[in-house]
């Protein structure tokens, strides 16, 4: 909360402007100074300086609430509408969509559908309420240059067609001659398609930082951008790309997984593993503060890396290790410290030609698994009417993408 902008604090306008003019931009900048510093910098008296510090501290200190008050806030009419995924099993487990005030992570190998789900969630937030959306803004931070306006426009058209088909089916159940009503609805949807696409895409603000420094700078200005665009969702795709490129792996303990860390040994362009973890810690802190203060979900994607282990004992180890004597285990990149910063971890993985989504970490959600395909509207749940593969059943600790690793040996 100390990252809250001074411009959003309840202070006297003249004092607030004076703070900003002296480059005290966040509450943290103010609280790092003592009364004597503020007296010299702002020309305040001892009493005024102490009152300012107490006031700023009180405004950024998270207030306490009882569990009953928290539940009442979730169920009251003042609670923001939930951002649902459109996947029935996952929405049923999450209850109220992506959790507000926290970080949700999508982790999986390349090509499994992480960016597709990011596009889908951005679309759901930006769509008008008549199409099941929130009619709100989205801030989409694209570090891998994977954002596709054309793909999002395609998703909008697919949603419009689905809505028109649903409306036509409803008309058919009510009155005769519904074929004419269906034709009219579809024609209306086709005529309004361009306007709908324009409306949705104008609500999505896309940022493309090219380095971790630019990403940190973008996050510092993120609160202002979110408020300006009235955003109800922040997406970062991906959190790992820049960090793994610019910061080296000082011990070559992992193989070349998806978006691997590189050859190991020595530091990267900006430093080694310790510097990378410090940067990730600052990024996580900024994201959590933003999510909590504005009560919005933050959705990030993460890559995977391959950890070389002993003989393969798991189907996914055989896939990663090539089926030989030595096995490999896919594990989420960025390490244990980052894993602890994530509130909800959703794993997307491929088993032969089938794709599965699994909740791997959550403080309040069941450990659910579902099969999905990627269609015109994004990820679509698939019900084959049979049992899931045995490899996907059981405790989360048995899953292919591990959550628990030895911290001292973890550099993936």
Foldseek 3Di string as FASTA:
>chain_A
DQLAFLVPAPDDVVVSVLCVVLVNTTNVSLLVDDLVVCCVSVVDDSVVSVVVNVRSVVVQPDDDDDPVVVVCLCPDPPNQQAQAQQAVVQCVQVVRHFFFLFEEEEEEAPPLFQVLSVLLSLLQQCADVLLNHVVFAEEEEEAPPPDDLVLSLLLLLVSLLVSLVVVLVVVVVPDPPSVVVSVVSVVVSVVCSVVRSVSRVVRYHYHHDHALVSVLVCLSCVLVVCVVSVHQEYEYEAPVQRLLQAWAECAPQFDAGRSHSPDHRDTGNVYYQVVSLVSLVSVLVSVSSSRNVVGHYYYHYFYKTKGKDAADDAPVQCVQVVNDGITIFIATPPAQSNLVSHAWYKYWYDDVPWIKIWTLHHPRGDTDMFTWDQDSNGTYTDCPPDDDPPQSDDHSCSHRHHNDDDRVSDRD
